[in-house]
N, C-alpha and C. Protein backbone atom coordinates (compact mmCIF):
# COMPACT_ATOMS: atom_id res chain seq x y z
N MET A 1 -2.18 8.07 -20.18
CA MET A 1 -1.66 8.01 -18.82
C MET A 1 -2.81 8.27 -17.86
N GLY A 2 -3.05 7.32 -16.97
CA GLY A 2 -4.11 7.46 -15.99
C GLY A 2 -3.66 8.26 -14.79
N ARG A 3 -4.56 8.46 -13.87
CA ARG A 3 -4.26 9.23 -12.66
C ARG A 3 -3.48 8.39 -11.65
N LEU A 4 -3.71 7.07 -11.66
CA LEU A 4 -3.04 6.19 -10.71
C LEU A 4 -1.93 5.41 -11.39
N VAL A 5 -1.07 4.82 -10.59
CA VAL A 5 0.04 4.03 -11.08
C VAL A 5 -0.50 2.80 -11.83
N ARG A 6 0.09 2.49 -12.98
CA ARG A 6 -0.33 1.36 -13.80
C ARG A 6 0.55 0.16 -13.51
N LYS A 7 -0.09 -1.02 -13.45
CA LYS A 7 0.64 -2.27 -13.25
C LYS A 7 1.26 -2.72 -14.56
N PRO A 8 2.48 -3.23 -14.53
CA PRO A 8 2.99 -3.86 -15.75
C PRO A 8 2.27 -5.20 -15.96
N VAL A 9 2.11 -5.60 -17.21
CA VAL A 9 1.46 -6.87 -17.51
C VAL A 9 2.49 -7.81 -18.10
N VAL A 10 2.62 -8.96 -17.49
CA VAL A 10 3.57 -9.97 -17.94
C VAL A 10 2.89 -10.82 -19.01
N PRO A 11 3.57 -11.09 -20.12
CA PRO A 11 2.94 -11.92 -21.13
C PRO A 11 2.75 -13.35 -20.61
N ASP A 12 1.70 -13.98 -21.07
CA ASP A 12 1.43 -15.35 -20.68
C ASP A 12 2.25 -16.26 -21.60
N LEU A 13 3.31 -16.81 -21.05
CA LEU A 13 4.23 -17.61 -21.86
C LEU A 13 3.61 -18.91 -22.33
N ASP A 14 2.51 -19.33 -21.70
CA ASP A 14 1.84 -20.55 -22.15
C ASP A 14 1.24 -20.36 -23.54
N LEU A 15 0.95 -19.11 -23.89
CA LEU A 15 0.35 -18.85 -25.20
C LEU A 15 1.39 -18.65 -26.28
N GLN A 16 2.62 -18.45 -25.91
CA GLN A 16 3.68 -18.23 -26.88
C GLN A 16 4.09 -19.55 -27.52
N ILE A 17 4.44 -19.50 -28.76
CA ILE A 17 4.96 -20.67 -29.44
C ILE A 17 6.47 -20.52 -29.47
N ALA A 18 7.17 -21.48 -28.90
CA ALA A 18 8.62 -21.39 -28.76
C ALA A 18 9.28 -21.17 -30.11
N GLY A 19 10.12 -20.14 -30.17
CA GLY A 19 10.89 -19.87 -31.37
C GLY A 19 10.18 -19.01 -32.40
N LEU A 20 8.91 -18.68 -32.19
CA LEU A 20 8.18 -17.90 -33.18
C LEU A 20 7.78 -16.51 -32.67
N GLU A 21 8.46 -16.01 -31.66
CA GLU A 21 8.09 -14.72 -31.08
C GLU A 21 8.25 -13.58 -32.08
N ASP A 22 9.19 -13.71 -33.02
CA ASP A 22 9.46 -12.63 -33.96
C ASP A 22 8.63 -12.72 -35.23
N VAL A 23 7.85 -13.76 -35.41
CA VAL A 23 7.05 -13.94 -36.62
C VAL A 23 5.82 -13.04 -36.53
N LEU A 24 5.43 -12.47 -37.65
CA LEU A 24 4.26 -11.60 -37.67
C LEU A 24 3.01 -12.36 -37.29
N GLN A 25 2.01 -11.65 -36.76
CA GLN A 25 0.76 -12.28 -36.35
C GLN A 25 0.10 -13.00 -37.51
N SER A 26 0.11 -12.41 -38.68
CA SER A 26 -0.59 -13.00 -39.81
C SER A 26 0.01 -14.33 -40.23
N ASP A 27 1.26 -14.57 -39.88
CA ASP A 27 1.91 -15.82 -40.25
C ASP A 27 1.52 -16.97 -39.34
N ILE A 28 0.82 -16.73 -38.25
CA ILE A 28 0.50 -17.78 -37.30
C ILE A 28 -1.01 -18.05 -37.32
N ALA A 29 -1.61 -17.91 -38.44
CA ALA A 29 -3.03 -18.23 -38.62
C ALA A 29 -3.92 -17.49 -37.62
N GLY A 30 -3.68 -16.23 -37.45
CA GLY A 30 -4.55 -15.41 -36.62
C GLY A 30 -4.30 -15.50 -35.13
N MET A 31 -3.37 -16.31 -34.69
CA MET A 31 -3.09 -16.41 -33.26
C MET A 31 -2.31 -15.18 -32.82
N GLN A 32 -2.80 -14.53 -31.81
CA GLN A 32 -2.18 -13.32 -31.31
C GLN A 32 -1.19 -13.67 -30.21
N LEU A 33 0.03 -13.16 -30.34
CA LEU A 33 1.05 -13.40 -29.32
C LEU A 33 0.86 -12.41 -28.18
N ALA A 34 1.05 -12.89 -26.97
CA ALA A 34 0.92 -12.03 -25.80
C ALA A 34 2.16 -11.15 -25.71
N ALA A 35 1.93 -9.89 -25.44
CA ALA A 35 3.04 -8.95 -25.34
C ALA A 35 3.08 -8.35 -23.93
N ALA A 36 4.27 -8.03 -23.50
CA ALA A 36 4.43 -7.40 -22.19
C ALA A 36 4.02 -5.94 -22.30
N VAL A 37 3.28 -5.46 -21.31
CA VAL A 37 2.88 -4.06 -21.24
C VAL A 37 3.62 -3.45 -20.06
N PRO A 38 4.50 -2.49 -20.34
CA PRO A 38 5.25 -1.92 -19.24
C PRO A 38 4.36 -1.07 -18.35
N GLY A 39 4.64 -1.07 -17.06
CA GLY A 39 3.91 -0.21 -16.14
C GLY A 39 4.54 1.17 -16.14
N ASP A 40 4.17 1.98 -15.18
CA ASP A 40 4.72 3.32 -15.07
C ASP A 40 6.18 3.25 -14.63
N ASN A 41 6.98 4.21 -15.14
CA ASN A 41 8.38 4.24 -14.75
C ASN A 41 8.54 4.97 -13.41
N TYR A 42 9.77 5.09 -12.96
CA TYR A 42 10.07 5.66 -11.64
C TYR A 42 9.49 7.07 -11.47
N VAL A 43 9.72 7.93 -12.43
CA VAL A 43 9.26 9.32 -12.32
C VAL A 43 7.73 9.39 -12.33
N GLU A 44 7.09 8.61 -13.19
CA GLU A 44 5.63 8.60 -13.23
C GLU A 44 5.04 8.12 -11.91
N ARG A 45 5.62 7.06 -11.34
CA ARG A 45 5.14 6.57 -10.04
C ARG A 45 5.33 7.63 -8.97
N MET A 46 6.49 8.27 -8.96
CA MET A 46 6.80 9.27 -7.96
C MET A 46 5.76 10.40 -8.00
N ILE A 47 5.36 10.81 -9.18
CA ILE A 47 4.39 11.89 -9.34
C ILE A 47 2.98 11.42 -8.98
N LYS A 48 2.61 10.23 -9.42
CA LYS A 48 1.25 9.74 -9.21
C LYS A 48 0.96 9.38 -7.75
N TYR A 49 1.99 9.13 -6.97
CA TYR A 49 1.77 8.82 -5.56
C TYR A 49 1.46 10.07 -4.73
N ILE A 50 1.63 11.26 -5.28
CA ILE A 50 1.31 12.49 -4.55
C ILE A 50 -0.21 12.66 -4.56
N PRO A 51 -0.83 12.70 -3.38
CA PRO A 51 -2.30 12.82 -3.33
C PRO A 51 -2.77 14.26 -3.54
N GLY A 52 -2.59 14.77 -4.76
CA GLY A 52 -2.82 16.18 -5.06
C GLY A 52 -4.22 16.68 -4.77
N GLU A 53 -5.24 15.91 -5.12
CA GLU A 53 -6.63 16.35 -4.92
C GLU A 53 -6.96 16.47 -3.44
N VAL A 54 -6.49 15.52 -2.65
CA VAL A 54 -6.77 15.56 -1.21
C VAL A 54 -5.94 16.67 -0.56
N ILE A 55 -4.75 16.92 -1.05
CA ILE A 55 -3.94 18.03 -0.53
C ILE A 55 -4.64 19.35 -0.81
N GLY A 56 -5.23 19.49 -2.00
CA GLY A 56 -5.97 20.70 -2.33
C GLY A 56 -7.15 20.91 -1.39
N PHE A 57 -7.89 19.85 -1.10
CA PHE A 57 -9.00 19.91 -0.14
C PHE A 57 -8.47 20.34 1.23
N SER A 58 -7.37 19.73 1.64
CA SER A 58 -6.78 20.02 2.95
C SER A 58 -6.31 21.47 3.04
N MET A 59 -5.74 21.98 1.96
CA MET A 59 -5.25 23.37 1.97
C MET A 59 -6.40 24.35 2.16
N LEU A 60 -7.53 24.08 1.53
CA LEU A 60 -8.69 24.96 1.69
C LEU A 60 -9.18 24.96 3.13
N ILE A 61 -9.34 23.77 3.71
CA ILE A 61 -9.79 23.66 5.10
C ILE A 61 -8.80 24.34 6.03
N ASN A 62 -7.50 24.12 5.81
CA ASN A 62 -6.48 24.70 6.68
C ASN A 62 -6.39 26.21 6.55
N ALA A 63 -6.72 26.76 5.39
CA ALA A 63 -6.73 28.22 5.24
C ALA A 63 -7.82 28.82 6.12
N ILE A 64 -8.98 28.17 6.15
CA ILE A 64 -10.07 28.63 7.01
C ILE A 64 -9.68 28.52 8.49
N LEU A 65 -9.11 27.38 8.86
CA LEU A 65 -8.71 27.16 10.25
C LEU A 65 -7.59 28.11 10.67
N ASP A 66 -6.67 28.40 9.76
CA ASP A 66 -5.57 29.31 10.07
C ASP A 66 -6.09 30.72 10.32
N GLN A 67 -7.06 31.17 9.52
CA GLN A 67 -7.65 32.49 9.74
C GLN A 67 -8.36 32.56 11.09
N ALA A 68 -9.09 31.50 11.43
CA ALA A 68 -9.78 31.46 12.73
C ALA A 68 -8.77 31.45 13.88
N LEU A 69 -7.65 30.75 13.70
CA LEU A 69 -6.61 30.70 14.72
C LEU A 69 -5.96 32.07 14.91
N LYS A 70 -5.71 32.77 13.81
CA LYS A 70 -5.10 34.11 13.89
C LYS A 70 -6.06 35.12 14.52
N ALA A 71 -7.34 34.99 14.18
CA ALA A 71 -8.32 35.94 14.71
C ALA A 71 -8.63 35.69 16.19
N GLY A 72 -8.64 34.42 16.60
CA GLY A 72 -9.03 34.09 17.97
C GLY A 72 -7.89 33.85 18.92
N GLY A 73 -6.68 33.83 18.44
CA GLY A 73 -5.54 33.58 19.31
C GLY A 73 -5.38 32.11 19.65
N PRO A 74 -4.55 31.80 20.65
CA PRO A 74 -4.27 30.39 20.97
C PRO A 74 -5.47 29.62 21.50
N ASN A 75 -6.46 30.29 22.03
CA ASN A 75 -7.65 29.61 22.56
C ASN A 75 -8.83 29.69 21.59
N ALA A 76 -8.55 29.87 20.32
CA ALA A 76 -9.61 30.02 19.32
C ALA A 76 -10.46 28.75 19.22
N ALA A 77 -11.74 28.97 18.93
CA ALA A 77 -12.65 27.84 18.82
C ALA A 77 -13.66 28.12 17.70
N MET A 78 -14.20 27.05 17.14
CA MET A 78 -15.27 27.12 16.15
C MET A 78 -16.37 26.20 16.65
N ALA A 79 -17.58 26.72 16.76
CA ALA A 79 -18.73 25.94 17.23
C ALA A 79 -18.44 25.27 18.57
N GLY A 80 -17.66 25.93 19.39
CA GLY A 80 -17.35 25.41 20.71
C GLY A 80 -16.22 24.39 20.74
N LEU A 81 -15.67 24.05 19.60
CA LEU A 81 -14.55 23.10 19.55
C LEU A 81 -13.24 23.85 19.32
N PRO A 82 -12.18 23.45 20.00
CA PRO A 82 -10.88 24.10 19.78
C PRO A 82 -10.41 23.89 18.34
N ILE A 83 -9.78 24.91 17.80
CA ILE A 83 -9.27 24.84 16.42
C ILE A 83 -8.30 23.68 16.26
N ALA A 84 -7.47 23.41 17.26
CA ALA A 84 -6.50 22.30 17.18
C ALA A 84 -7.22 20.96 17.00
N ALA A 85 -8.34 20.77 17.68
CA ALA A 85 -9.10 19.52 17.54
C ALA A 85 -9.72 19.41 16.15
N ILE A 86 -10.23 20.52 15.63
CA ILE A 86 -10.81 20.52 14.28
C ILE A 86 -9.72 20.25 13.25
N ALA A 87 -8.54 20.85 13.44
CA ALA A 87 -7.43 20.66 12.51
C ALA A 87 -6.96 19.20 12.51
N THR A 88 -6.89 18.59 13.67
CA THR A 88 -6.51 17.18 13.76
C THR A 88 -7.56 16.30 13.09
N GLY A 89 -8.83 16.64 13.30
CA GLY A 89 -9.90 15.91 12.62
C GLY A 89 -9.82 16.05 11.11
N ALA A 90 -9.50 17.25 10.62
CA ALA A 90 -9.36 17.48 9.18
C ALA A 90 -8.19 16.67 8.61
N LEU A 91 -7.11 16.57 9.39
CA LEU A 91 -5.97 15.75 8.95
C LEU A 91 -6.35 14.28 8.86
N LEU A 92 -7.08 13.80 9.84
CA LEU A 92 -7.53 12.39 9.82
C LEU A 92 -8.52 12.14 8.68
N ILE A 93 -9.40 13.09 8.42
CA ILE A 93 -10.34 12.95 7.31
C ILE A 93 -9.58 12.89 5.98
N GLY A 94 -8.53 13.69 5.86
CA GLY A 94 -7.70 13.64 4.65
C GLY A 94 -7.05 12.27 4.48
N CYS A 95 -6.62 11.67 5.59
CA CYS A 95 -6.02 10.32 5.54
C CYS A 95 -7.05 9.27 5.14
N VAL A 96 -8.31 9.48 5.49
CA VAL A 96 -9.36 8.54 5.10
C VAL A 96 -9.79 8.78 3.65
N LEU A 97 -9.84 10.04 3.23
CA LEU A 97 -10.27 10.35 1.87
C LEU A 97 -9.26 9.91 0.81
N THR A 98 -8.00 9.85 1.14
CA THR A 98 -6.98 9.50 0.16
C THR A 98 -7.20 8.12 -0.44
N PRO A 99 -7.34 7.04 0.35
CA PRO A 99 -7.59 5.74 -0.29
C PRO A 99 -8.96 5.68 -0.96
N LEU A 100 -9.95 6.39 -0.42
CA LEU A 100 -11.26 6.41 -1.06
C LEU A 100 -11.19 7.07 -2.43
N PHE A 101 -10.40 8.13 -2.54
CA PHE A 101 -10.23 8.78 -3.83
C PHE A 101 -9.54 7.85 -4.82
N CYS A 102 -8.51 7.15 -4.36
CA CYS A 102 -7.81 6.20 -5.24
C CYS A 102 -8.76 5.12 -5.73
N TRP A 103 -9.61 4.64 -4.86
CA TRP A 103 -10.60 3.63 -5.26
C TRP A 103 -11.58 4.21 -6.26
N TYR A 104 -12.00 5.45 -6.06
CA TYR A 104 -13.01 6.08 -6.91
C TYR A 104 -12.52 6.32 -8.33
N VAL A 105 -11.26 6.71 -8.51
CA VAL A 105 -10.74 7.05 -9.84
C VAL A 105 -10.04 5.89 -10.52
N ARG A 106 -10.05 4.71 -9.94
CA ARG A 106 -9.33 3.56 -10.50
C ARG A 106 -9.90 3.18 -11.87
N GLU A 107 -9.04 2.59 -12.69
CA GLU A 107 -9.41 2.05 -14.00
C GLU A 107 -8.77 0.68 -14.11
N ASP A 108 -9.16 -0.07 -15.13
CA ASP A 108 -8.55 -1.38 -15.35
C ASP A 108 -7.05 -1.20 -15.56
N GLY A 109 -6.28 -2.01 -14.89
CA GLY A 109 -4.83 -1.96 -15.02
C GLY A 109 -4.16 -1.07 -13.97
N ASP A 110 -4.94 -0.33 -13.20
CA ASP A 110 -4.36 0.52 -12.16
C ASP A 110 -4.03 -0.32 -10.93
N ALA A 111 -2.95 0.02 -10.30
CA ALA A 111 -2.58 -0.61 -9.03
C ALA A 111 -3.11 0.28 -7.92
N TRP A 112 -4.43 0.38 -7.82
CA TRP A 112 -5.03 1.36 -6.93
C TRP A 112 -4.76 1.06 -5.46
N MET A 113 -4.62 -0.21 -5.10
CA MET A 113 -4.36 -0.53 -3.69
C MET A 113 -2.97 -0.07 -3.27
N VAL A 114 -1.98 -0.30 -4.12
CA VAL A 114 -0.62 0.17 -3.83
C VAL A 114 -0.61 1.68 -3.81
N ASN A 115 -1.29 2.29 -4.80
CA ASN A 115 -1.37 3.75 -4.87
C ASN A 115 -2.03 4.31 -3.61
N ALA A 116 -3.12 3.68 -3.17
CA ALA A 116 -3.82 4.15 -1.97
C ALA A 116 -2.94 4.06 -0.74
N MET A 117 -2.20 2.97 -0.61
CA MET A 117 -1.33 2.79 0.55
C MET A 117 -0.23 3.86 0.57
N VAL A 118 0.48 4.02 -0.53
CA VAL A 118 1.60 4.97 -0.57
C VAL A 118 1.09 6.41 -0.44
N SER A 119 -0.01 6.73 -1.13
CA SER A 119 -0.55 8.09 -1.06
C SER A 119 -1.07 8.43 0.33
N THR A 120 -1.66 7.46 1.03
CA THR A 120 -2.14 7.70 2.38
C THR A 120 -0.98 7.97 3.34
N ILE A 121 0.10 7.25 3.15
CA ILE A 121 1.29 7.51 3.97
C ILE A 121 1.90 8.87 3.60
N ALA A 122 1.82 9.25 2.33
CA ALA A 122 2.40 10.52 1.87
C ALA A 122 1.60 11.73 2.35
N PHE A 123 0.30 11.57 2.53
CA PHE A 123 -0.54 12.72 2.85
C PHE A 123 -0.08 13.51 4.08
N PRO A 124 0.19 12.89 5.22
CA PRO A 124 0.65 13.70 6.37
C PRO A 124 1.95 14.44 6.10
N PHE A 125 2.85 13.85 5.31
CA PHE A 125 4.10 14.54 4.97
C PHE A 125 3.79 15.82 4.19
N TRP A 126 2.90 15.70 3.20
CA TRP A 126 2.53 16.86 2.39
C TRP A 126 1.74 17.87 3.20
N ALA A 127 0.88 17.40 4.09
CA ALA A 127 0.12 18.32 4.94
C ALA A 127 1.08 19.10 5.85
N TYR A 128 2.10 18.43 6.36
CA TYR A 128 3.10 19.09 7.19
C TYR A 128 3.84 20.15 6.37
N LEU A 129 4.20 19.81 5.13
CA LEU A 129 4.89 20.76 4.26
C LEU A 129 4.01 21.98 3.97
N MET A 130 2.73 21.76 3.76
CA MET A 130 1.81 22.85 3.43
C MET A 130 1.43 23.68 4.65
N GLY A 131 1.91 23.32 5.82
CA GLY A 131 1.65 24.10 7.03
C GLY A 131 0.28 23.85 7.63
N ALA A 132 -0.13 22.58 7.66
CA ALA A 132 -1.42 22.23 8.25
C ALA A 132 -1.48 22.72 9.69
N VAL A 133 -2.64 23.23 10.07
CA VAL A 133 -2.84 23.79 11.41
C VAL A 133 -2.64 22.71 12.48
N ALA A 134 -2.88 21.46 12.14
CA ALA A 134 -2.67 20.37 13.10
C ALA A 134 -1.21 20.30 13.55
N PHE A 135 -0.30 20.78 12.71
CA PHE A 135 1.14 20.76 13.03
C PHE A 135 1.66 22.14 13.41
N ALA A 136 0.77 23.07 13.76
CA ALA A 136 1.15 24.47 14.01
C ALA A 136 2.24 24.59 15.08
N GLY A 137 2.16 23.82 16.13
CA GLY A 137 3.13 23.94 17.22
C GLY A 137 4.49 23.35 16.91
N ILE A 138 4.58 22.48 15.94
CA ILE A 138 5.85 21.79 15.67
C ILE A 138 6.34 21.99 14.23
N HIS A 139 5.73 22.90 13.48
CA HIS A 139 6.08 23.06 12.07
C HIS A 139 7.45 23.70 11.89
N ASP A 140 8.26 23.10 11.05
CA ASP A 140 9.56 23.64 10.65
C ASP A 140 9.65 23.45 9.14
N GLY A 141 9.64 24.54 8.40
CA GLY A 141 9.61 24.50 6.94
C GLY A 141 10.76 23.75 6.31
N ASN A 142 11.97 23.94 6.82
CA ASN A 142 13.13 23.25 6.26
C ASN A 142 13.04 21.74 6.47
N PHE A 143 12.65 21.35 7.67
CA PHE A 143 12.50 19.93 7.96
C PHE A 143 11.39 19.32 7.11
N ALA A 144 10.31 20.09 6.89
CA ALA A 144 9.20 19.62 6.07
C ALA A 144 9.65 19.33 4.64
N VAL A 145 10.47 20.20 4.08
CA VAL A 145 10.98 19.99 2.72
C VAL A 145 11.85 18.74 2.66
N ILE A 146 12.70 18.57 3.65
CA ILE A 146 13.56 17.38 3.69
C ILE A 146 12.71 16.11 3.77
N LEU A 147 11.68 16.12 4.62
CA LEU A 147 10.81 14.94 4.76
C LEU A 147 10.09 14.61 3.45
N VAL A 148 9.50 15.62 2.83
CA VAL A 148 8.74 15.39 1.60
C VAL A 148 9.65 14.93 0.47
N LEU A 149 10.79 15.56 0.31
CA LEU A 149 11.71 15.14 -0.74
C LEU A 149 12.19 13.71 -0.54
N THR A 150 12.54 13.38 0.69
CA THR A 150 12.99 12.02 0.98
C THR A 150 11.89 11.00 0.72
N PHE A 151 10.69 11.28 1.22
CA PHE A 151 9.59 10.34 1.02
C PHE A 151 9.24 10.19 -0.46
N THR A 152 9.22 11.29 -1.19
CA THR A 152 8.85 11.25 -2.61
C THR A 152 9.87 10.46 -3.41
N VAL A 153 11.14 10.65 -3.14
CA VAL A 153 12.17 9.90 -3.86
C VAL A 153 12.07 8.40 -3.55
N ILE A 154 11.83 8.07 -2.29
CA ILE A 154 11.71 6.66 -1.91
C ILE A 154 10.42 6.06 -2.46
N SER A 155 9.34 6.83 -2.49
CA SER A 155 8.06 6.29 -2.96
C SER A 155 8.12 5.87 -4.43
N GLY A 156 8.93 6.55 -5.22
CA GLY A 156 9.07 6.17 -6.63
C GLY A 156 9.66 4.78 -6.81
N LEU A 157 10.34 4.28 -5.79
CA LEU A 157 10.91 2.94 -5.84
C LEU A 157 9.86 1.85 -5.63
N ILE A 158 8.71 2.23 -5.11
CA ILE A 158 7.65 1.25 -4.84
C ILE A 158 6.89 1.00 -6.13
N SER A 159 7.05 -0.19 -6.63
CA SER A 159 6.43 -0.56 -7.91
C SER A 159 5.44 -1.69 -7.69
N PRO A 160 4.25 -1.60 -8.29
CA PRO A 160 3.28 -2.68 -8.11
C PRO A 160 3.75 -3.96 -8.80
N VAL A 161 3.27 -5.08 -8.29
CA VAL A 161 3.61 -6.37 -8.85
C VAL A 161 2.93 -6.51 -10.21
N ALA A 162 3.65 -7.05 -11.17
CA ALA A 162 3.09 -7.23 -12.51
C ALA A 162 1.94 -8.23 -12.46
N SER A 163 0.93 -7.95 -13.25
CA SER A 163 -0.21 -8.85 -13.30
C SER A 163 -0.15 -9.72 -14.54
N ARG A 164 -0.72 -10.89 -14.42
CA ARG A 164 -0.79 -11.82 -15.55
C ARG A 164 -2.15 -11.64 -16.19
N PRO A 165 -2.26 -11.95 -17.48
CA PRO A 165 -3.57 -11.86 -18.13
C PRO A 165 -4.59 -12.71 -17.40
N LYS A 166 -5.84 -12.26 -17.40
CA LYS A 166 -6.90 -12.98 -16.70
C LYS A 166 -7.14 -14.32 -17.36
N LEU A 167 -7.62 -15.28 -16.56
CA LEU A 167 -7.84 -16.64 -17.02
C LEU A 167 -8.80 -16.67 -18.20
N ALA A 168 -9.86 -15.86 -18.17
CA ALA A 168 -10.83 -15.87 -19.26
C ALA A 168 -10.18 -15.44 -20.57
N ALA A 169 -9.31 -14.44 -20.51
CA ALA A 169 -8.63 -13.99 -21.72
C ALA A 169 -7.67 -15.05 -22.23
N ARG A 170 -7.03 -15.77 -21.32
CA ARG A 170 -6.11 -16.83 -21.74
C ARG A 170 -6.87 -17.98 -22.37
N GLN A 171 -8.06 -18.29 -21.87
CA GLN A 171 -8.82 -19.40 -22.41
C GLN A 171 -9.37 -19.07 -23.79
N GLU A 172 -9.70 -17.79 -24.06
CA GLU A 172 -10.21 -17.41 -25.37
C GLU A 172 -9.15 -17.59 -26.44
N VAL A 173 -7.90 -17.31 -26.12
CA VAL A 173 -6.83 -17.36 -27.10
C VAL A 173 -6.27 -18.78 -27.24
N ALA A 174 -6.37 -19.58 -26.19
CA ALA A 174 -5.80 -20.92 -26.20
C ALA A 174 -6.51 -21.79 -27.23
N PRO A 175 -5.75 -22.59 -27.96
CA PRO A 175 -6.38 -23.46 -28.96
C PRO A 175 -7.20 -24.55 -28.28
N PRO A 176 -8.32 -24.97 -28.89
CA PRO A 176 -9.15 -26.01 -28.28
C PRO A 176 -8.42 -27.34 -28.24
N LYS A 177 -8.66 -28.08 -27.19
CA LYS A 177 -8.02 -29.40 -27.04
C LYS A 177 -8.87 -30.44 -27.76
N ASP A 178 -8.23 -31.50 -28.21
CA ASP A 178 -8.95 -32.58 -28.87
C ASP A 178 -9.63 -33.45 -27.82
N GLY A 179 -10.85 -33.83 -28.09
CA GLY A 179 -11.58 -34.73 -27.18
C GLY A 179 -12.29 -33.98 -26.09
N PRO A 180 -13.16 -34.67 -25.38
CA PRO A 180 -13.93 -34.01 -24.32
C PRO A 180 -13.07 -33.74 -23.09
N ARG A 181 -13.50 -32.73 -22.35
CA ARG A 181 -12.82 -32.43 -21.09
C ARG A 181 -13.23 -33.48 -20.07
N LEU A 182 -12.47 -33.62 -18.99
CA LEU A 182 -12.72 -34.61 -17.97
C LEU A 182 -14.12 -34.44 -17.38
N VAL A 183 -14.53 -33.21 -17.17
CA VAL A 183 -15.86 -32.94 -16.61
C VAL A 183 -16.94 -33.40 -17.57
N GLU A 184 -16.75 -33.15 -18.86
CA GLU A 184 -17.74 -33.55 -19.86
C GLU A 184 -17.78 -35.06 -20.03
N ALA A 185 -16.68 -35.74 -19.82
CA ALA A 185 -16.62 -37.21 -20.01
C ALA A 185 -17.47 -37.91 -18.98
N PHE A 186 -17.59 -37.37 -17.76
CA PHE A 186 -18.38 -38.01 -16.72
C PHE A 186 -19.83 -37.52 -16.67
N ALA A 187 -20.18 -36.56 -17.52
CA ALA A 187 -21.53 -36.02 -17.50
C ALA A 187 -22.50 -36.87 -18.31
């Protein structure tokens, strides 16, 4: 199980021999039948769309900002900048880091673009739940739980589109055609 949501793989029906799907591979002279590879299920998608690493980064930054806000009062500042501005900047940086992290940890078969999109949308919800300083004036814990639960349940419904085997892999398995190809005939 990878860190990101996995795409289901649809078998290439052009490679299948009609009526012989149940025959063992060895009975078809070494021809390998394409099999469907299921993607992640609802619960796995729901869990993998949570941007946990970026939330951890955000929690550390917000702990520092929260201490500075408590020590300095409502007009607290760091390096001459208001804490509210720094907190908003940290929230925006988290929104930028989320798709970059998804791109960085991607593997073959991952639906990293879908994962990046959903996780980036999820990040502000989770930041609000964790009490990000950027939301200090409007934070309501009960509302935050309702938002996160609703978004997480809905996000599990977002499933990446199944991918077909790559053309190169299909050509390796396909039996050779008799006679020259059209391009070779004119060469």
